[in-house]
Structure formats: C-alpha cells, structure tokens
Amino acid sequence: MELEPGWPCSGPLLRMAEDAARKLLPAFQTPSGMPYGTVNLLSGVSPTETPVTCTAGVGTFILEFATLSRLTGDATFEKAARQALRALWKTRSDIGLVGNHINILSLKWVAQDAGIGAGVDSYFEYLVKGAIMLQDEELLNMFLEYDRAIQNYTRFEDWYLWVQMHRGTVSMPVFQSLEAFWPGLQSLLGNLDSAVRTFQNYYSVWRQFGGLPEFYSIPQGYTVDKREGYPLRPELIESAMYLFRATGDHTYLQLGLDALESIEKITRTPCGYASVKDVRDHALDNRMESFFLAETIKYLYLLFDPAHFLHGGGAEGDGSWEAGGEDGHIALKPGEKKTPPALSCPVQPFSARLAVLGQVFTDNTWRCRRSDPFRPVQTSSDPFSDPFRPV
C-alpha cells in the first residue's frame, strides 16, 4: 500500500474523520449551540429527538474538533465545540456547579446532581486536556473555577460525593468507577497531595474486590445494589500512569500489576476478556467493551513503558521506570502569556505539550517524589475568538 504525500496529516483517515465530523454538526444547530445527544448520520437530528443531553455530551468535543479544525484549516468544528462549552459555562449555578442533564433548548437543568462521575466526567477532563493541548487559558480558567466549587462542596475526606448543584447538600454518597480519572487529572495540574490521597481511597476499593464496582457506597463500604459490575474500565489505570509519571512511586506500578493479574485471572475467556457482572463473586458477563482494548490495555502498556515515545519529549527509549519519577507542576497561570508551538502536522504527542503548558516532566528544579505517597499532608478577556490565533 502506497501512502499519500503528507501522511498521516492528509489522506483517507483524515478525510474520513472530517466526513464523520460533518455528519455530527447538525446536532449543534440549536439556539444555544449546545448539541443534541443523538444525531442520525444519514438524516440529521430527528424531529422527535429529546432536547435533554448529559453535561459530558455537551462538553466533550474540543480535543477532537479543535484538532480536526487545525489539521484541515476549517474552523467550523472548533467553533462549534467552543460555542457549546461557553453556553454550558453560562448555566452553572450560583455556587459554581453544573448538574448532570440539561435541556439544551430551555437551558433548564433536568438532573441537578453535581459531581465528577457519570454524565459529567469527561467535561472536566476535556477542559484540562484541551487547555494543555491547545495552550488555552480560557479552558484552564473554566476548570479552575469549577475545581474551587468541587473542592468546596463535593469533597469529603478525599472522596468526591454527589451534591445538589444549587445548595451543595449531599444527594448521593457514592463513589462511581468513572470518577477514578480524577487523581490523574489533578496530577496534571500539580495537585499531587490531593491526587495521591484520593487515589489511595479508590485503590482500596480495588483491593477489596479485585476491580472497581460501578457504584460503591462510601458510608457502607460496599457495593450498591444493581451496580456491582466491573466492565474493565480504564480510569484508575490512567490515573496510576499519570501519578507514576509525576511521582516515580512504584505504588502505581503495583496497581498496574494488580490490575493485570486480576484481568488475566478473572476475566480471560477463550475469545477475549469478559466484563465482570458482579465483583463480589466475579461472575462474568457475555460481553467485552470496546474501551477495554482502546484504553484499559493502552494505559497498562504505557504505565509499564515510561520510555515510550507517546509520553513525549524524546525518542523511543528515552527514560526508565528504574530511575523513577518525572517532575512537574503547572506553570501556565491565569493571565500569563505563552507562545506555544502551533497545533499542526505532525501533531506532538500529548505529553510533549505538558512541558509547554507547565507539567515539565524534565524540570529538575522541582521534585515531587515522596517515600510514603499515602501519608496525610496539611491549590479574562476572550483571546480565542479566532481559534487559529496563537495565545
């Protein structure tokens, strides 16, 4: 097979990505710019489509759409994603929180539980990773505002509960497995002490069951009825990867080993790896989720291969887990101006951009290694109207 000139930044894959994105754009044709949750790729949005969309469904486009805009030169995709983000930002409550599901036409919150888990999770993830990839102060400021409210109202003893978005009162004292991305996200912002303690809580649940149940009652210390399954989700392993990169503590390699052994021993079948129907007795379901291969195995691989080029900053083979941690804290602060490299082809690995934003993994002036990672320890204007103008 002969590659087209300019591959991989031109050619059939990019054309397919652009074609797929154009089929999604009709979902964004709403008064607010927030998209419908479902769109027919052939006929567009159905006249009977519900206007109720989860928060993550509104706020989880900026990475892919901004990348596509900058690789194709067509700003349409990034502008659609930004308009949705800004519209969602305006709907937060007086105490700075967003709920779980919103009516994109009336802008009324239908589900008013605020948290970091299902229905919301990737919204916060994309604000941080979008800020890193795009060197975007607006996205960073949005997240930091949310984080202040999250820390004030949802954090209890390094767990994050669900609260009523207007009053801040606890509505669900549960840990959801989808929340396990949070320690990794916090580490990207340099909030290592908080990230390490929260990871300890989540890892204790893993050790209790050999996997993370979908819901875990924090007061009872046990699974929640009808939410006992473990579909081999990647979030805790992703956090372990980021925390190992940030601290060099081999505790996170141990989590990876625990995960690998649990998955191999409990879930392997003759034709794949099955989701766990119930973590209490390890009964299996007759399905394997796509994210197991796309994410879970990927993060396990990268956790054990810190020299991989996807970690950024060098060629294959630069770095070693024997040497331990990488170093970093965020250097981009609100109001600070940087001139980052443009997002263009070839696109830098994601982690390479951390060095520009501020998680400088090779900055020897700041070490965050600790002998005991679980020891208790006592965190504009709109310059982005033109998405192609450098910060």
Protein backbone atom coordinates (compact mmCIF):
# COMPACT_ATOMS: atom_id res chain seq x y z
CA MET A 1 0.00 0.00 0.00
CA GLU A 2 1.41 3.37 -1.02
CA LEU A 3 0.91 6.29 1.32
CA GLU A 4 -0.30 9.63 0.06
CA PRO A 5 2.09 12.58 0.32
CA GLY A 6 1.74 14.27 3.68
CA TRP A 7 0.53 11.17 5.51
CA PRO A 8 -0.72 11.00 8.29
CA CYS A 9 -1.89 14.59 8.13
CA SER A 10 -3.62 14.08 4.83
CA GLY A 11 -5.11 11.07 3.17
CA PRO A 12 -8.08 8.76 3.72
CA LEU A 13 -8.11 8.71 7.53
CA LEU A 14 -8.23 12.49 7.82
CA ARG A 15 -10.90 12.66 5.10
CA MET A 16 -12.95 10.05 6.92
CA ALA A 17 -12.60 11.96 10.20
CA GLU A 18 -13.73 15.18 8.55
CA ASP A 19 -16.66 13.43 6.89
CA ALA A 20 -17.75 11.90 10.21
CA ALA A 21 -17.49 15.25 12.00
CA ARG A 22 -19.61 16.98 9.35
CA LYS A 23 -22.32 14.41 9.96
CA LEU A 24 -22.29 15.40 13.65
CA LEU A 25 -22.56 19.15 13.03
CA PRO A 26 -26.38 19.19 12.61
CA ALA A 27 -26.62 18.29 16.31
CA PHE A 28 -25.08 21.70 17.15
CA GLN A 29 -27.69 23.68 15.22
CA THR A 30 -29.56 24.83 18.31
CA PRO A 31 -30.22 28.32 19.70
CA SER A 32 -27.64 27.78 22.44
CA GLY A 33 -25.09 25.91 20.34
CA MET A 34 -25.24 23.01 22.77
CA PRO A 35 -25.72 19.79 20.78
CA TYR A 36 -28.46 17.21 20.86
CA GLY A 37 -27.37 13.93 22.35
CA THR A 38 -28.16 11.86 19.27
CA VAL A 39 -27.90 12.55 15.56
CA ASN A 40 -28.72 10.29 12.62
CA LEU A 41 -25.61 10.21 10.44
CA LEU A 42 -27.76 9.96 7.31
CA SER A 43 -30.69 12.27 8.02
CA GLY A 44 -29.59 14.53 10.86
CA VAL A 45 -31.44 15.20 14.10
CA SER A 46 -34.83 13.52 14.36
CA PRO A 47 -37.81 15.86 14.91
CA THR A 48 -38.68 13.72 17.93
CA GLU A 49 -35.19 13.80 19.45
CA THR A 50 -35.17 14.74 23.13
CA PRO A 51 -33.53 18.08 23.94
CA VAL A 52 -32.16 16.65 27.19
CA THR A 53 -28.40 15.99 26.98
CA CYS A 54 -25.90 14.98 29.64
CA THR A 55 -23.24 17.50 30.61
CA ALA A 56 -20.42 15.37 29.20
CA GLY A 57 -22.33 15.07 25.93
CA VAL A 58 -22.22 18.86 25.59
CA GLY A 59 -18.65 19.45 26.75
CA THR A 60 -16.63 16.61 25.25
CA PHE A 61 -15.78 17.74 21.72
CA ILE A 62 -12.97 20.28 22.00
CA LEU A 63 -9.99 17.90 21.69
CA GLU A 64 -11.13 16.14 18.55
CA PHE A 65 -12.90 19.07 16.90
CA ALA A 66 -10.08 21.55 17.55
CA THR A 67 -7.52 19.08 16.22
CA LEU A 68 -9.62 18.49 13.13
CA SER A 69 -10.02 22.23 12.52
CA ARG A 70 -6.31 22.85 12.77
CA LEU A 71 -5.34 19.93 10.56
CA THR A 72 -7.91 20.74 7.86
CA GLY A 73 -7.82 24.54 8.13
CA ASP A 74 -11.62 24.61 8.60
CA ALA A 75 -12.52 26.45 11.82
CA THR A 76 -16.13 25.19 11.77
CA PHE A 77 -15.51 22.25 14.07
CA GLU A 78 -13.55 24.08 16.77
CA LYS A 79 -16.02 26.97 16.76
CA ALA A 80 -18.91 24.55 17.29
CA ALA A 81 -17.14 22.90 20.23
CA ARG A 82 -16.22 26.26 21.79
CA GLN A 83 -19.73 27.64 21.43
CA ALA A 84 -21.11 24.60 23.22
CA LEU A 85 -18.53 24.96 26.02
CA ARG A 86 -19.27 28.65 26.51
CA ALA A 87 -23.03 28.08 26.52
CA LEU A 88 -22.67 25.33 29.12
CA TRP A 89 -20.38 27.55 31.22
CA LYS A 90 -23.15 30.17 31.47
CA THR A 91 -25.58 27.68 33.02
CA ARG A 92 -23.59 26.89 36.18
CA SER A 93 -25.31 27.53 39.49
CA ASP A 94 -24.73 30.41 41.88
CA ILE A 95 -22.30 28.22 43.82
CA GLY A 96 -20.37 27.35 40.67
CA LEU A 97 -21.58 23.81 39.93
CA VAL A 98 -23.23 22.14 36.95
CA GLY A 99 -25.77 19.35 37.04
CA ASN A 100 -25.96 16.04 35.21
CA HIS A 101 -28.50 16.59 32.40
CA ILE A 102 -29.64 19.83 30.79
CA ASN A 103 -32.40 20.79 28.35
CA ILE A 104 -30.38 22.42 25.57
CA LEU A 105 -33.40 24.42 24.34
CA SER A 106 -34.80 25.80 27.59
CA LEU A 107 -31.37 25.78 29.33
CA LYS A 108 -33.04 24.29 32.41
CA TRP A 109 -31.23 21.62 34.41
CA VAL A 110 -33.26 18.40 34.36
CA ALA A 111 -30.94 16.39 36.63
CA GLN A 112 -29.39 18.63 39.28
CA ASP A 113 -26.89 16.24 40.86
CA ALA A 114 -23.39 17.72 40.68
CA GLY A 115 -20.29 15.55 40.82
CA ILE A 116 -17.31 14.32 38.84
CA GLY A 117 -18.70 10.96 37.71
CA ALA A 118 -21.06 9.57 35.09
CA GLY A 119 -22.67 12.14 32.84
CA VAL A 120 -20.18 14.87 33.79
CA ASP A 121 -16.71 13.30 33.97
CA SER A 122 -15.25 13.90 30.52
CA TYR A 123 -16.41 17.54 30.52
CA PHE A 124 -13.87 18.34 33.21
CA GLU A 125 -11.30 16.05 31.62
CA TYR A 126 -11.56 17.87 28.29
CA LEU A 127 -11.23 21.30 29.87
CA VAL A 128 -7.87 20.33 31.36
CA LYS A 129 -6.56 18.29 28.43
CA GLY A 130 -7.89 20.89 26.00
CA ALA A 131 -6.04 23.60 27.92
CA ILE A 132 -2.86 21.54 27.63
CA MET A 133 -3.16 20.55 24.01
CA LEU A 134 -4.34 23.94 22.76
CA GLN A 135 -2.38 26.06 25.27
CA ASP A 136 -5.72 27.62 26.08
CA GLU A 137 -6.09 29.93 29.06
CA GLU A 138 -9.87 30.17 28.68
CA LEU A 139 -10.33 26.41 29.19
CA LEU A 140 -7.89 26.43 32.09
CA ASN A 141 -9.77 29.26 33.82
CA MET A 142 -13.07 27.44 33.38
CA PHE A 143 -11.71 24.32 35.02
CA LEU A 144 -10.06 26.16 37.89
CA GLU A 145 -13.37 27.89 38.67
CA TYR A 146 -15.15 24.55 38.68
CA ASP A 147 -12.42 22.96 40.77
CA ARG A 148 -12.86 25.55 43.52
CA ALA A 149 -16.57 24.71 43.73
CA ILE A 150 -15.90 20.97 43.53
CA GLN A 151 -13.39 21.14 46.38
CA ASN A 152 -15.74 23.31 48.47
CA TYR A 153 -18.93 21.32 48.05
CA THR A 154 -18.29 17.75 46.89
CA ARG A 155 -15.01 16.72 48.53
CA PHE A 156 -15.26 14.83 51.83
CA GLU A 157 -12.20 13.12 53.30
CA ASP A 158 -10.66 12.86 49.82
CA TRP A 159 -13.77 11.23 48.36
CA TYR A 160 -15.95 13.19 45.94
CA LEU A 161 -19.68 12.87 46.57
CA TRP A 162 -22.71 13.94 44.55
CA VAL A 163 -24.43 17.10 45.77
CA GLN A 164 -27.39 19.25 44.79
CA MET A 165 -26.00 21.79 42.33
CA HIS A 166 -27.76 24.82 43.82
CA ARG A 167 -27.47 24.08 47.54
CA GLY A 168 -24.38 21.87 47.82
CA THR A 169 -26.18 19.34 50.01
CA VAL A 170 -25.21 15.68 49.59
CA SER A 171 -27.55 13.76 47.30
CA MET A 172 -25.58 10.53 46.71
CA PRO A 173 -22.69 9.50 48.99
CA VAL A 174 -21.27 7.09 46.42
CA PHE A 175 -18.06 6.61 44.51
CA GLN A 176 -18.57 5.75 40.85
CA SER A 177 -15.84 3.91 38.97
CA LEU A 178 -15.92 6.58 36.24
CA GLU A 179 -14.63 9.08 38.82
CA ALA A 180 -11.29 7.29 39.01
CA PHE A 181 -9.86 9.55 36.27
CA TRP A 182 -9.81 12.44 38.78
CA PRO A 183 -6.47 11.77 40.55
CA GLY A 184 -4.72 11.66 37.19
CA LEU A 185 -6.36 14.93 36.16
CA GLN A 186 -5.35 16.55 39.44
CA SER A 187 -1.77 15.43 38.90
CA LEU A 188 -1.70 17.25 35.56
CA LEU A 189 -2.45 20.43 37.49
CA GLY A 190 0.22 19.77 40.09
CA ASN A 191 -2.27 18.98 42.91
CA LEU A 192 -0.31 15.90 43.87
CA ASP A 193 -1.08 15.60 47.57
CA SER A 194 -4.81 15.65 46.93
CA ALA A 195 -4.45 13.32 43.95
CA VAL A 196 -2.41 10.79 45.92
CA ARG A 197 -4.88 10.65 48.83
CA THR A 198 -7.89 10.26 46.54
CA PHE A 199 -6.09 7.55 44.58
CA GLN A 200 -5.49 5.73 47.86
CA ASN A 201 -9.25 5.69 48.51
CA TYR A 202 -10.01 4.34 45.05
CA TYR A 203 -7.21 1.78 45.18
CA SER A 204 -8.57 0.49 48.50
CA VAL A 205 -11.85 -0.33 46.71
CA TRP A 206 -9.91 -2.16 44.00
CA ARG A 207 -8.08 -4.23 46.60
CA GLN A 208 -11.38 -5.05 48.30
CA PHE A 209 -12.93 -6.58 45.17
CA GLY A 210 -10.21 -7.12 42.58
CA GLY A 211 -11.80 -4.41 40.45
CA LEU A 212 -13.92 -1.27 40.77
CA PRO A 213 -17.68 -1.77 41.03
CA GLU A 214 -19.68 0.77 39.06
CA PHE A 215 -21.09 2.25 42.30
CA TYR A 216 -19.60 1.97 45.78
CA SER A 217 -21.39 3.21 48.90
CA ILE A 218 -18.88 5.23 50.90
CA PRO A 219 -20.80 5.11 54.24
CA GLN A 220 -21.39 1.35 53.96
CA GLY A 221 -18.05 0.47 52.41
CA TYR A 222 -19.68 -1.89 49.95
CA THR A 223 -21.25 -2.18 46.52
CA VAL A 224 -24.57 -0.59 45.59
CA ASP A 225 -27.47 -2.85 44.55
CA LYS A 226 -27.59 -3.44 40.77
CA ARG A 227 -24.31 -1.57 40.31
CA GLU A 228 -21.90 -4.36 41.23
CA GLY A 229 -20.38 -4.82 37.79
CA TYR A 230 -16.86 -4.04 36.56
CA PRO A 231 -16.71 -3.67 32.76
CA LEU A 232 -12.89 -3.40 32.73
CA ARG A 233 -12.86 0.38 32.77
CA PRO A 234 -9.56 2.26 32.26
CA GLU A 235 -9.87 5.28 34.57
CA LEU A 236 -7.97 4.06 37.64
CA ILE A 237 -5.16 2.69 35.49
CA GLU A 238 -4.94 6.01 33.62
CA SER A 239 -4.58 7.82 36.95
CA ALA A 240 -1.87 5.37 38.00
CA MET A 241 0.00 6.11 34.78
CA TYR A 242 -0.09 9.88 35.32
CA LEU A 243 0.78 9.62 39.02
CA PHE A 244 3.73 7.34 38.34
CA ARG A 245 4.97 9.83 35.74
CA ALA A 246 4.61 12.62 38.31
CA THR A 247 5.99 10.92 41.42
CA GLY A 248 8.07 7.91 40.41
CA ASP A 249 6.46 5.99 43.26
CA HIS A 250 6.29 2.28 42.47
CA THR A 251 2.98 2.00 44.32
CA TYR A 252 1.40 2.84 40.97
CA LEU A 253 3.28 0.06 39.23
CA GLN A 254 1.87 -2.26 41.89
CA LEU A 255 -1.65 -1.14 40.98
CA GLY A 256 -0.84 -1.91 37.38
CA LEU A 257 0.40 -5.37 38.35
CA ASP A 258 -2.72 -5.95 40.47
CA ALA A 259 -4.91 -4.89 37.56
CA LEU A 260 -3.05 -7.08 35.10
CA GLU A 261 -3.26 -10.14 37.35
CA SER A 262 -6.94 -9.54 38.14
CA ILE A 263 -7.87 -9.13 34.50
CA GLU A 264 -5.88 -12.18 33.43
CA LYS A 265 -7.06 -14.43 36.26
CA ILE A 266 -10.70 -13.37 36.48
CA THR A 267 -11.84 -12.16 33.08
CA ARG A 268 -9.91 -14.05 30.39
CA THR A 269 -12.05 -16.29 28.20
CA PRO A 270 -11.23 -18.35 25.08
CA CYS A 271 -12.18 -15.48 22.78
CA GLY A 272 -11.47 -12.31 24.75
CA TYR A 273 -11.80 -10.66 28.14
CA ALA A 274 -15.27 -10.51 29.65
CA SER A 275 -16.81 -7.77 31.73
CA VAL A 276 -17.36 -8.75 35.35
CA LYS A 277 -21.08 -8.91 36.10
CA ASP A 278 -20.59 -8.89 39.87
CA VAL A 279 -17.31 -8.06 41.65
CA ARG A 280 -18.50 -9.90 44.78
CA ASP A 281 -18.31 -13.35 43.19
CA HIS A 282 -16.53 -12.48 39.92
CA ALA A 283 -19.36 -13.81 37.77
CA LEU A 284 -18.77 -12.79 34.16
CA ASP A 285 -20.96 -11.10 31.57
CA ASN A 286 -21.10 -12.19 27.94
CA ARG A 287 -19.54 -9.03 26.53
CA MET A 288 -16.26 -7.16 26.16
CA GLU A 289 -16.45 -3.36 25.95
CA SER A 290 -14.52 -1.57 23.20
CA PHE A 291 -12.78 0.71 25.72
CA PHE A 292 -11.02 -2.31 27.21
CA LEU A 293 -8.80 -2.54 24.14
CA ALA A 294 -8.85 1.14 23.24
CA GLU A 295 -7.99 2.48 26.71
CA THR A 296 -7.50 -0.03 29.54
CA ILE A 297 -4.80 -2.06 27.81
CA LYS A 298 -3.24 1.09 26.34
CA TYR A 299 -2.80 2.71 29.75
CA LEU A 300 -1.44 -0.50 31.24
CA TYR A 301 1.11 -0.68 28.44
CA LEU A 302 2.14 2.95 28.87
CA LEU A 303 2.32 2.61 32.67
CA PHE A 304 4.93 -0.13 32.26
CA ASP A 305 6.73 1.57 29.37
CA PRO A 306 7.67 5.09 30.51
CA ALA A 307 10.23 5.26 27.69
CA HIS A 308 7.52 5.05 25.04
CA PHE A 309 7.51 7.99 22.62
CA LEU A 310 3.82 8.67 23.37
CA HIS A 311 4.91 10.04 26.73
CA GLY A 312 6.58 12.83 24.76
CA GLY A 313 9.79 14.75 24.91
CA GLY A 314 12.08 12.33 23.16
CA ALA A 315 12.61 9.31 21.03
CA GLU A 316 11.69 5.76 21.89
CA GLY A 317 13.88 4.51 24.72
CA ASP A 318 14.45 7.84 26.48
CA GLY A 319 13.62 7.31 30.13
CA SER A 320 13.32 4.40 32.52
CA TRP A 321 10.98 3.27 35.26
CA GLU A 322 14.07 2.17 37.17
CA ALA A 323 15.02 5.81 37.56
CA GLY A 324 11.62 6.66 38.96
CA GLY A 325 9.64 9.81 38.76
CA GLU A 326 9.15 12.59 36.38
CA ASP A 327 8.83 16.08 37.68
CA GLY A 328 6.19 18.63 37.18
CA HIS A 329 3.78 21.26 38.23
CA ILE A 330 1.67 23.61 36.22
CA ALA A 331 3.43 26.75 35.04
CA LEU A 332 0.69 28.37 32.95
CA LYS A 333 -1.26 30.61 35.30
CA PRO A 334 -4.31 32.72 34.54
CA GLY A 335 -3.15 35.95 32.93
CA GLU A 336 0.21 34.53 31.88
CA LYS A 337 1.06 34.62 28.19
CA LYS A 338 2.99 31.94 26.36
CA THR A 339 3.69 31.39 22.70
CA PRO A 340 3.27 27.65 22.25
CA PRO A 341 4.10 25.68 19.15
CA ALA A 342 1.13 25.63 16.81
CA LEU A 343 -1.02 22.53 16.74
CA SER A 344 -0.20 21.27 13.29
CA CYS A 345 1.10 18.25 11.47
CA PRO A 346 2.83 16.27 12.69
CA VAL A 347 0.96 16.61 15.96
CA GLN A 348 3.15 16.36 19.05
CA PRO A 349 2.38 13.53 21.48
CA PHE A 350 0.01 14.79 24.17
CA SER A 351 2.58 14.58 26.93
CA ALA A 352 5.05 16.69 25.00
CA ARG A 353 2.57 19.53 25.27
CA LEU A 354 2.57 19.21 29.04
CA ALA A 355 6.06 20.61 29.02
CA VAL A 356 4.85 23.72 27.24
CA LEU A 357 1.82 24.19 29.44
CA GLY A 358 3.79 23.60 32.57
CA GLN A 359 3.83 19.98 33.67
CA VAL A 360 7.52 19.96 32.92
CA PHE A 361 8.45 16.33 33.40
CA THR A 362 12.15 17.04 32.97
CA ASP A 363 12.48 20.11 35.17
CA ASN A 364 14.96 19.08 37.86
CA THR A 365 14.22 22.20 39.91
CA TRP A 366 11.10 20.63 41.39
CA ARG A 367 10.90 17.12 42.75
CA CYS A 368 7.66 15.57 43.90
CA ARG A 369 8.88 12.15 44.90
CA ARG A 370 7.78 11.01 48.35
CA SER A 371 8.79 7.99 50.37
CA ASP A 372 5.22 7.43 51.56
CA PRO A 373 2.71 8.59 48.94
CA PHE A 374 -0.25 7.95 51.24
CA ARG A 375 1.00 9.98 54.19
CA PRO A 376 -1.57 12.72 55.06
CA VAL A 377 -0.37 16.20 54.04
CA GLN A 378 -1.63 19.54 55.59
CA THR A 379 -4.41 24.82 45.31
CA SER A 380 -10.44 37.23 31.23
CA SER A 381 -10.80 38.54 28.26
CA ASP A 382 -11.64 36.30 25.29
CA PRO A 383 -8.49 35.87 23.21
CA PHE A 384 -9.91 32.84 21.45
CA SER A 385 -12.48 34.32 19.09
CA ASP A 386 -10.07 33.31 16.36
CA PRO A 387 -9.15 29.67 17.12
CA PHE A 388 -6.07 29.87 14.94
CA ARG A 389 -4.54 32.93 16.63
CA PRO A 390 -1.66 31.92 18.96
CA VAL A 391 -2.05 32.69 22.66
